[in-house]
């Protein structure tokens, strides 16, 4: 393992339509760490025909959800890759308290822990309005306001216990997720910096 001055182990959470994926890529680039989404891990394993990938494909093809135990193994596998030695930004994981417990244990075994959990907070009505407009522009008439609201509610119910857990550990960073990509990104960097997490590019640019 190469030695780094500072490692960054981050999670990002936010409701569907909050622009989380875009922010994840920008943050990861600035910190020089991989942005890791469970969807990407699944796809990579399926494409490479790994043992885990074959299991995932069979589960998905049969219309079932990938169980925590398998998702955990895939994440463990991914976090041992060389590029994650300096840290990572996880997107879409952990989703359950079981996954939180697994990740905590996994990192504890390496003598590390999550440095910050970035929560993008957005006004549900604004997101619903934006997604509704987008689906109309794209001609996706089946994306009704009701369906969009339902997804927002599911997200809130699913993440509430996770956010409470990380808030209790003092690593939750809540950021207003409304505004341009740049505005939101700057808010995230400012909030992380207050916790002593300055991205390397920041130092290089001497700002």
C-alpha atoms as a PDB file:
ATOM      1  CA  UNK A   1       0.000   0.000   0.000  1.00  0.00           C
ATOM      2  CA  UNK A   2       1.317   3.407  -0.911  1.00  0.00           C
ATOM      3  CA  UNK A   3       1.512   5.963   1.846  1.00  0.00           C
ATOM      4  CA  UNK A   4      -0.796   8.957   1.624  1.00  0.00           C
ATOM      5  CA  UNK A   5      -0.759  12.108   3.713  1.00  0.00           C
ATOM      6  CA  UNK A   6      -4.473  11.883   4.235  1.00  0.00           C
ATOM      7  CA  UNK A   7      -7.150   9.421   3.314  1.00  0.00           C
ATOM      8  CA  UNK A   8     -10.749  10.292   2.643  1.00  0.00           C
ATOM      9  CA  UNK A   9     -13.534   7.812   3.231  1.00  0.00           C
ATOM     10  CA  UNK A  10     -16.780   9.425   2.257  1.00  0.00           C
ATOM     11  CA  UNK A  11     -20.389   8.469   1.651  1.00  0.00           C
ATOM     12  CA  UNK A  12     -22.912  10.519  -0.285  1.00  0.00           C
ATOM     13  CA  UNK A  13     -26.671  10.227   0.146  1.00  0.00           C
ATOM     14  CA  UNK A  14     -29.492  12.125  -1.468  1.00  0.00           C
ATOM     15  CA  UNK A  15     -32.952  11.549  -2.902  1.00  0.00           C
ATOM     16  CA  UNK A  16     -33.550  10.537  -6.532  1.00  0.00           C
ATOM     17  CA  UNK A  17     -33.213  13.631  -8.703  1.00  0.00           C
ATOM     18  CA  UNK A  18     -30.960  15.544  -6.297  1.00  0.00           C
ATOM     19  CA  UNK A  19     -28.036  15.302  -8.727  1.00  0.00           C
ATOM     20  CA  UNK A  20     -26.112  12.995  -6.429  1.00  0.00           C
ATOM     21  CA  UNK A  21     -24.329  11.111  -9.224  1.00  0.00           C
ATOM     22  CA  UNK A  22     -22.980  14.333 -10.747  1.00  0.00           C
ATOM     23  CA  UNK A  23     -21.753  15.571  -7.358  1.00  0.00           C
ATOM     24  CA  UNK A  24     -20.185  12.204  -6.553  1.00  0.00           C
ATOM     25  CA  UNK A  25     -18.001  12.333  -9.675  1.00  0.00           C
ATOM     26  CA  UNK A  26     -16.860  15.921  -9.006  1.00  0.00           C
ATOM     27  CA  UNK A  27     -16.051  15.288  -5.353  1.00  0.00           C
ATOM     28  CA  UNK A  28     -14.183  12.060  -6.087  1.00  0.00           C
ATOM     29  CA  UNK A  29     -12.076  13.763  -8.772  1.00  0.00           C
ATOM     30  CA  UNK A  30     -11.124  16.620  -6.449  1.00  0.00           C
ATOM     31  CA  UNK A  31     -10.117  14.233  -3.655  1.00  0.00           C
ATOM     32  CA  UNK A  32      -8.368  11.831  -6.025  1.00  0.00           C
ATOM     33  CA  UNK A  33     -10.440   8.877  -4.856  1.00  0.00           C
ATOM     34  CA  UNK A  34     -12.732   6.524  -6.786  1.00  0.00           C
ATOM     35  CA  UNK A  35     -16.479   7.212  -6.824  1.00  0.00           C
ATOM     36  CA  UNK A  36     -17.954   3.799  -6.186  1.00  0.00           C
ATOM     37  CA  UNK A  37     -21.621   3.078  -6.764  1.00  0.00           C
ATOM     38  CA  UNK A  38     -23.084  -0.340  -6.075  1.00  0.00           C
ATOM     39  CA  UNK A  39     -24.701  -0.260  -9.529  1.00  0.00           C
ATOM     40  CA  UNK A  40     -21.250   0.107 -11.104  1.00  0.00           C
ATOM     41  CA  UNK A  41     -19.855  -2.726  -8.967  1.00  0.00           C
ATOM     42  CA  UNK A  42     -22.717  -5.012 -10.002  1.00  0.00           C
ATOM     43  CA  UNK A  43     -22.265  -4.156 -13.692  1.00  0.00           C
ATOM     44  CA  UNK A  44     -18.475  -4.595 -13.593  1.00  0.00           C
ATOM     45  CA  UNK A  45     -18.744  -8.022 -11.951  1.00  0.00           C
ATOM     46  CA  UNK A  46     -21.453  -9.172 -14.350  1.00  0.00           C
ATOM     47  CA  UNK A  47     -19.428  -7.952 -17.340  1.00  0.00           C
ATOM     48  CA  UNK A  48     -16.248  -9.641 -16.095  1.00  0.00           C
ATOM     49  CA  UNK A  49     -18.111 -12.856 -15.338  1.00  0.00           C
ATOM     50  CA  UNK A  50     -16.795 -13.134 -11.770  1.00  0.00           C
ATOM     51  CA  UNK A  51     -18.318 -15.684  -9.392  1.00  0.00           C
ATOM     52  CA  UNK A  52     -20.080 -12.898  -7.535  1.00  0.00           C
ATOM     53  CA  UNK A  53     -21.180 -11.357 -10.842  1.00  0.00           C
ATOM     54  CA  UNK A  54     -22.774 -14.608 -11.984  1.00  0.00           C
ATOM     55  CA  UNK A  55     -24.720 -14.787  -8.702  1.00  0.00           C
ATOM     56  CA  UNK A  56     -25.846 -11.178  -9.058  1.00  0.00           C
ATOM     57  CA  UNK A  57     -26.975 -11.692 -12.652  1.00  0.00           C
ATOM     58  CA  UNK A  58     -29.063 -14.728 -11.740  1.00  0.00           C
ATOM     59  CA  UNK A  59     -30.734 -12.841  -8.881  1.00  0.00           C
ATOM     60  CA  UNK A  60     -31.462  -9.750 -11.001  1.00  0.00           C
ATOM     61  CA  UNK A  61     -32.712 -11.822 -13.947  1.00  0.00           C
ATOM     62  CA  UNK A  62     -35.122 -13.654 -11.673  1.00  0.00           C
ATOM     63  CA  UNK A  63     -36.482 -10.257 -10.624  1.00  0.00           C
ATOM     64  CA  UNK A  64     -35.222 -10.396  -7.050  1.00  0.00           C
ATOM     65  CA  UNK A  65     -33.255  -7.874  -5.019  1.00  0.00           C
ATOM     66  CA  UNK A  66     -29.597  -8.608  -4.385  1.00  0.00           C
ATOM     67  CA  UNK A  67     -29.368  -9.595  -0.675  1.00  0.00           C
ATOM     68  CA  UNK A  68     -27.266  -7.599   1.800  1.00  0.00           C
ATOM     69  CA  UNK A  69     -24.794 -10.454   2.229  1.00  0.00           C
ATOM     70  CA  UNK A  70     -23.905 -10.491  -1.473  1.00  0.00           C
ATOM     71  CA  UNK A  71     -23.823  -6.708  -1.793  1.00  0.00           C
ATOM     72  CA  UNK A  72     -21.501  -6.591   1.230  1.00  0.00           C
ATOM     73  CA  UNK A  73     -19.130  -9.115  -0.355  1.00  0.00           C
ATOM     74  CA  UNK A  74     -19.030  -7.111  -3.589  1.00  0.00           C
ATOM     75  CA  UNK A  75     -18.260  -3.912  -1.697  1.00  0.00           C
ATOM     76  CA  UNK A  76     -15.568  -5.632   0.419  1.00  0.00           C
ATOM     77  CA  UNK A  77     -14.030  -6.918  -2.805  1.00  0.00           C
ATOM     78  CA  UNK A  78     -14.098  -3.455  -4.425  1.00  0.00           C
ATOM     79  CA  UNK A  79     -12.622  -1.651  -1.411  1.00  0.00           C
ATOM     80  CA  UNK A  80      -9.564  -3.919  -1.433  1.00  0.00           C
ATOM     81  CA  UNK A  81      -8.601  -2.721  -4.928  1.00  0.00           C
ATOM     82  CA  UNK A  82      -5.502  -0.531  -5.143  1.00  0.00           C
ATOM     83  CA  UNK A  83      -7.296   2.652  -6.165  1.00  0.00           C
ATOM     84  CA  UNK A  84      -9.328   2.619  -2.941  1.00  0.00           C
ATOM     85  CA  UNK A  85      -6.227   2.612  -0.708  1.00  0.00           C
ATOM     86  CA  UNK A  86      -6.337   6.416  -0.424  1.00  0.00           C
ATOM     87  CA  UNK A  87     -10.050   6.348   0.267  1.00  0.00           C
ATOM     88  CA  UNK A  88     -13.293   6.266  -1.662  1.00  0.00           C
ATOM     89  CA  UNK A  89     -16.654   7.915  -2.114  1.00  0.00           C
ATOM     90  CA  UNK A  90     -19.468   5.413  -1.805  1.00  0.00           C
ATOM     91  CA  UNK A  91     -22.749   6.195  -3.538  1.00  0.00           C
ATOM     92  CA  UNK A  92     -25.818   4.001  -3.001  1.00  0.00           C
ATOM     93  CA  UNK A  93     -24.242   1.988  -0.197  1.00  0.00           C
ATOM     94  CA  UNK A  94     -24.854   1.354   2.660  1.00  0.00           C
ATOM     95  CA  UNK A  95     -28.651   1.228   2.282  1.00  0.00           C
ATOM     96  CA  UNK A  96     -29.587  -0.753   5.387  1.00  0.00           C
ATOM     97  CA  UNK A  97     -28.417  -0.781   8.997  1.00  0.00           C
ATOM     98  CA  UNK A  98     -26.988  -4.274   8.352  1.00  0.00           C
ATOM     99  CA  UNK A  99     -24.844  -2.798   5.590  1.00  0.00           C
ATOM    100  CA  UNK A 100     -23.785   0.062   7.886  1.00  0.00           C
ATOM    101  CA  UNK A 101     -22.704  -2.480  10.505  1.00  0.00           C
ATOM    102  CA  UNK A 102     -20.787  -4.494   7.888  1.00  0.00           C
ATOM    103  CA  UNK A 103     -18.997  -1.431   6.508  1.00  0.00           C
ATOM    104  CA  UNK A 104     -18.132  -0.192  10.009  1.00  0.00           C
ATOM    105  CA  UNK A 105     -16.649  -3.586  10.892  1.00  0.00           C
ATOM    106  CA  UNK A 106     -14.789  -3.849   7.569  1.00  0.00           C
ATOM    107  CA  UNK A 107     -13.148  -0.447   8.059  1.00  0.00           C
ATOM    108  CA  UNK A 108     -12.474  -1.104  11.755  1.00  0.00           C
ATOM    109  CA  UNK A 109     -10.472  -4.174  10.719  1.00  0.00           C
ATOM    110  CA  UNK A 110      -8.258  -1.790   8.714  1.00  0.00           C
ATOM    111  CA  UNK A 111      -8.092   0.653  11.611  1.00  0.00           C
ATOM    112  CA  UNK A 112     -10.160   3.241   9.766  1.00  0.00           C
ATOM    113  CA  UNK A 113     -13.687   4.635   9.728  1.00  0.00           C
ATOM    114  CA  UNK A 114     -15.950   6.807   7.601  1.00  0.00           C
ATOM    115  CA  UNK A 115     -14.708  10.423   7.675  1.00  0.00           C
ATOM    116  CA  UNK A 116     -17.910  12.074   6.501  1.00  0.00           C
ATOM    117  CA  UNK A 117     -21.380  11.271   5.219  1.00  0.00           C
ATOM    118  CA  UNK A 118     -22.532  13.969   2.806  1.00  0.00           C
ATOM    119  CA  UNK A 119     -26.300  14.368   2.823  1.00  0.00           C
ATOM    120  CA  UNK A 120     -27.840  16.386   0.000  1.00  0.00           C
ATOM    121  CA  UNK A 121     -30.958  17.977   1.438  1.00  0.00           C
ATOM    122  CA  UNK A 122     -33.568  19.107  -1.038  1.00  0.00           C
ATOM    123  CA  UNK A 123     -37.106  20.364  -0.841  1.00  0.00           C
ATOM    124  CA  UNK A 124     -39.301  17.452  -1.971  1.00  0.00           C
ATOM    125  CA  UNK A 125     -41.755  19.675  -3.839  1.00  0.00           C
ATOM    126  CA  UNK A 126     -38.975  21.291  -5.847  1.00  0.00           C
ATOM    127  CA  UNK A 127     -37.470  17.928  -6.792  1.00  0.00           C
ATOM    128  CA  UNK A 128     -40.872  16.501  -7.743  1.00  0.00           C
ATOM    129  CA  UNK A 129     -41.519  19.559  -9.908  1.00  0.00           C
ATOM    130  CA  UNK A 130     -38.101  19.280 -11.585  1.00  0.00           C
ATOM    131  CA  UNK A 131     -38.364  15.528 -12.237  1.00  0.00           C
ATOM    132  CA  UNK A 132     -41.935  15.907 -13.496  1.00  0.00           C
ATOM    133  CA  UNK A 133     -40.779  18.549 -15.990  1.00  0.00           C
ATOM    134  CA  UNK A 134     -37.866  16.395 -17.062  1.00  0.00           C
ATOM    135  CA  UNK A 135     -40.031  13.328 -17.651  1.00  0.00           C
ATOM    136  CA  UNK A 136     -42.482  15.382 -19.714  1.00  0.00           C
ATOM    137  CA  UNK A 137     -39.621  16.786 -21.807  1.00  0.00           C
ATOM    138  CA  UNK A 138     -38.346  13.244 -22.345  1.00  0.00           C
ATOM    139  CA  UNK A 139     -41.847  12.037 -23.137  1.00  0.00           C
ATOM    140  CA  UNK A 140     -41.972   9.659 -20.172  1.00  0.00           C
ATOM    141  CA  UNK A 141     -45.645  10.078 -19.395  1.00  0.00           C
ATOM    142  CA  UNK A 142     -45.632   7.088 -17.021  1.00  0.00           C
ATOM    143  CA  UNK A 143     -43.487   9.057 -14.573  1.00  0.00           C
ATOM    144  CA  UNK A 144     -46.442  10.546 -12.764  1.00  0.00           C
ATOM    145  CA  UNK A 145     -46.139  12.970  -9.887  1.00  0.00           C
ATOM    146  CA  UNK A 146     -47.484  10.186  -7.662  1.00  0.00           C
ATOM    147  CA  UNK A 147     -44.730   7.766  -8.758  1.00  0.00           C
ATOM    148  CA  UNK A 148     -42.044  10.412  -8.254  1.00  0.00           C
ATOM    149  CA  UNK A 149     -43.381  11.315  -4.790  1.00  0.00           C
ATOM    150  CA  UNK A 150     -43.487   7.648  -3.860  1.00  0.00           C
ATOM    151  CA  UNK A 151     -39.784   7.232  -4.703  1.00  0.00           C
ATOM    152  CA  UNK A 152     -38.950  10.297  -2.592  1.00  0.00           C
ATOM    153  CA  UNK A 153     -40.874   8.884   0.371  1.00  0.00           C
ATOM    154  CA  UNK A 154     -39.236   5.474   0.066  1.00  0.00           C
ATOM    155  CA  UNK A 155     -35.851   7.204   0.056  1.00  0.00           C
ATOM    156  CA  UNK A 156     -36.686   9.217   3.192  1.00  0.00           C
ATOM    157  CA  UNK A 157     -37.923   6.129   5.061  1.00  0.00           C
ATOM    158  CA  UNK A 158     -34.914   4.047   4.011  1.00  0.00           C
ATOM    159  CA  UNK A 159     -32.277   6.607   4.841  1.00  0.00           C
ATOM    160  CA  UNK A 160     -33.678   8.067   8.072  1.00  0.00           C
ATOM    161  CA  UNK A 161     -32.151   5.319  10.300  1.00  0.00           C
ATOM    162  CA  UNK A 162     -28.812   5.513   8.459  1.00  0.00           C
ATOM    163  CA  UNK A 163     -28.627   9.271   8.800  1.00  0.00           C
ATOM    164  CA  UNK A 164     -29.510   9.052  12.497  1.00  0.00           C
ATOM    165  CA  UNK A 165     -26.738   6.490  13.009  1.00  0.00           C
ATOM    166  CA  UNK A 166     -24.103   8.622  11.277  1.00  0.00           C
ATOM    167  CA  UNK A 167     -25.344  11.814  12.951  1.00  0.00           C
ATOM    168  CA  UNK A 168     -24.899  10.111  16.333  1.00  0.00           C
ATOM    169  CA  UNK A 169     -21.301   9.313  15.318  1.00  0.00           C
ATOM    170  CA  UNK A 170     -20.749  12.959  14.465  1.00  0.00           C
ATOM    171  CA  UNK A 171     -19.839  12.394  10.810  1.00  0.00           C
ATOM    172  CA  UNK A 172     -23.008  13.600   9.086  1.00  0.00           C
ATOM    173  CA  UNK A 173     -22.570  16.677   6.889  1.00  0.00           C
ATOM    174  CA  UNK A 174     -25.900  18.025   5.626  1.00  0.00           C
ATOM    175  CA  UNK A 175     -25.719  20.320   2.624  1.00  0.00           C
ATOM    176  CA  UNK A 176     -28.434  22.249   0.825  1.00  0.00           C
ATOM    177  CA  UNK A 177     -28.660  20.361  -2.477  1.00  0.00           C
ATOM    178  CA  UNK A 178     -30.586  23.007  -4.356  1.00  0.00           C
ATOM    179  CA  UNK A 179     -28.829  25.233  -6.881  1.00  0.00           C
ATOM    180  CA  UNK A 180     -26.387  24.797  -9.740  1.00  0.00           C
ATOM    181  CA  UNK A 181     -23.954  21.876  -9.754  1.00  0.00           C
ATOM    182  CA  UNK A 182     -21.156  24.292  -8.933  1.00  0.00           C
ATOM    183  CA  UNK A 183     -23.012  26.004  -6.059  1.00  0.00           C
ATOM    184  CA  UNK A 184     -23.813  22.677  -4.442  1.00  0.00           C
ATOM    185  CA  UNK A 185     -20.280  21.367  -4.976  1.00  0.00           C
ATOM    186  CA  UNK A 186     -18.793  24.466  -3.346  1.00  0.00           C
ATOM    187  CA  UNK A 187     -21.126  24.032  -0.365  1.00  0.00           C
ATOM    188  CA  UNK A 188     -20.008  20.414  -0.021  1.00  0.00           C
ATOM    189  CA  UNK A 189     -16.302  21.366  -0.164  1.00  0.00           C
ATOM    190  CA  UNK A 190     -16.829  24.156   2.376  1.00  0.00           C
ATOM    191  CA  UNK A 191     -18.663  21.807   4.765  1.00  0.00           C
ATOM    192  CA  UNK A 192     -15.976  19.128   4.439  1.00  0.00           C
ATOM    193  CA  UNK A 193     -13.236  21.680   4.935  1.00  0.00           C
ATOM    194  CA  UNK A 194     -14.804  22.759   8.226  1.00  0.00           C
ATOM    195  CA  UNK A 195     -14.158  19.164   9.319  1.00  0.00           C
ATOM    196  CA  UNK A 196     -10.536  19.279   8.245  1.00  0.00           C
ATOM    197  CA  UNK A 197     -11.168  17.413   4.998  1.00  0.00           C
ATOM    198  CA  UNK A 198      -9.506  19.606   2.370  1.00  0.00           C
ATOM    199  CA  UNK A 199      -9.224  18.117  -1.058  1.00  0.00           C
ATOM    200  CA  UNK A 200      -5.674  17.894  -2.508  1.00  0.00           C
ATOM    201  CA  UNK A 201      -6.548  20.006  -5.568  1.00  0.00           C
ATOM    202  CA  UNK A 202      -7.427  22.767  -3.149  1.00  0.00           C
ATOM    203  CA  UNK A 203      -3.913  22.770  -1.783  1.00  0.00           C
ATOM    204  CA  UNK A 204      -2.352  22.583  -5.258  1.00  0.00           C
ATOM    205  CA  UNK A 205      -4.314  25.551  -6.537  1.00  0.00           C
ATOM    206  CA  UNK A 206      -3.243  27.442  -3.412  1.00  0.00           C
ATOM    207  CA  UNK A 207      -6.719  28.776  -2.770  1.00  0.00           C
END
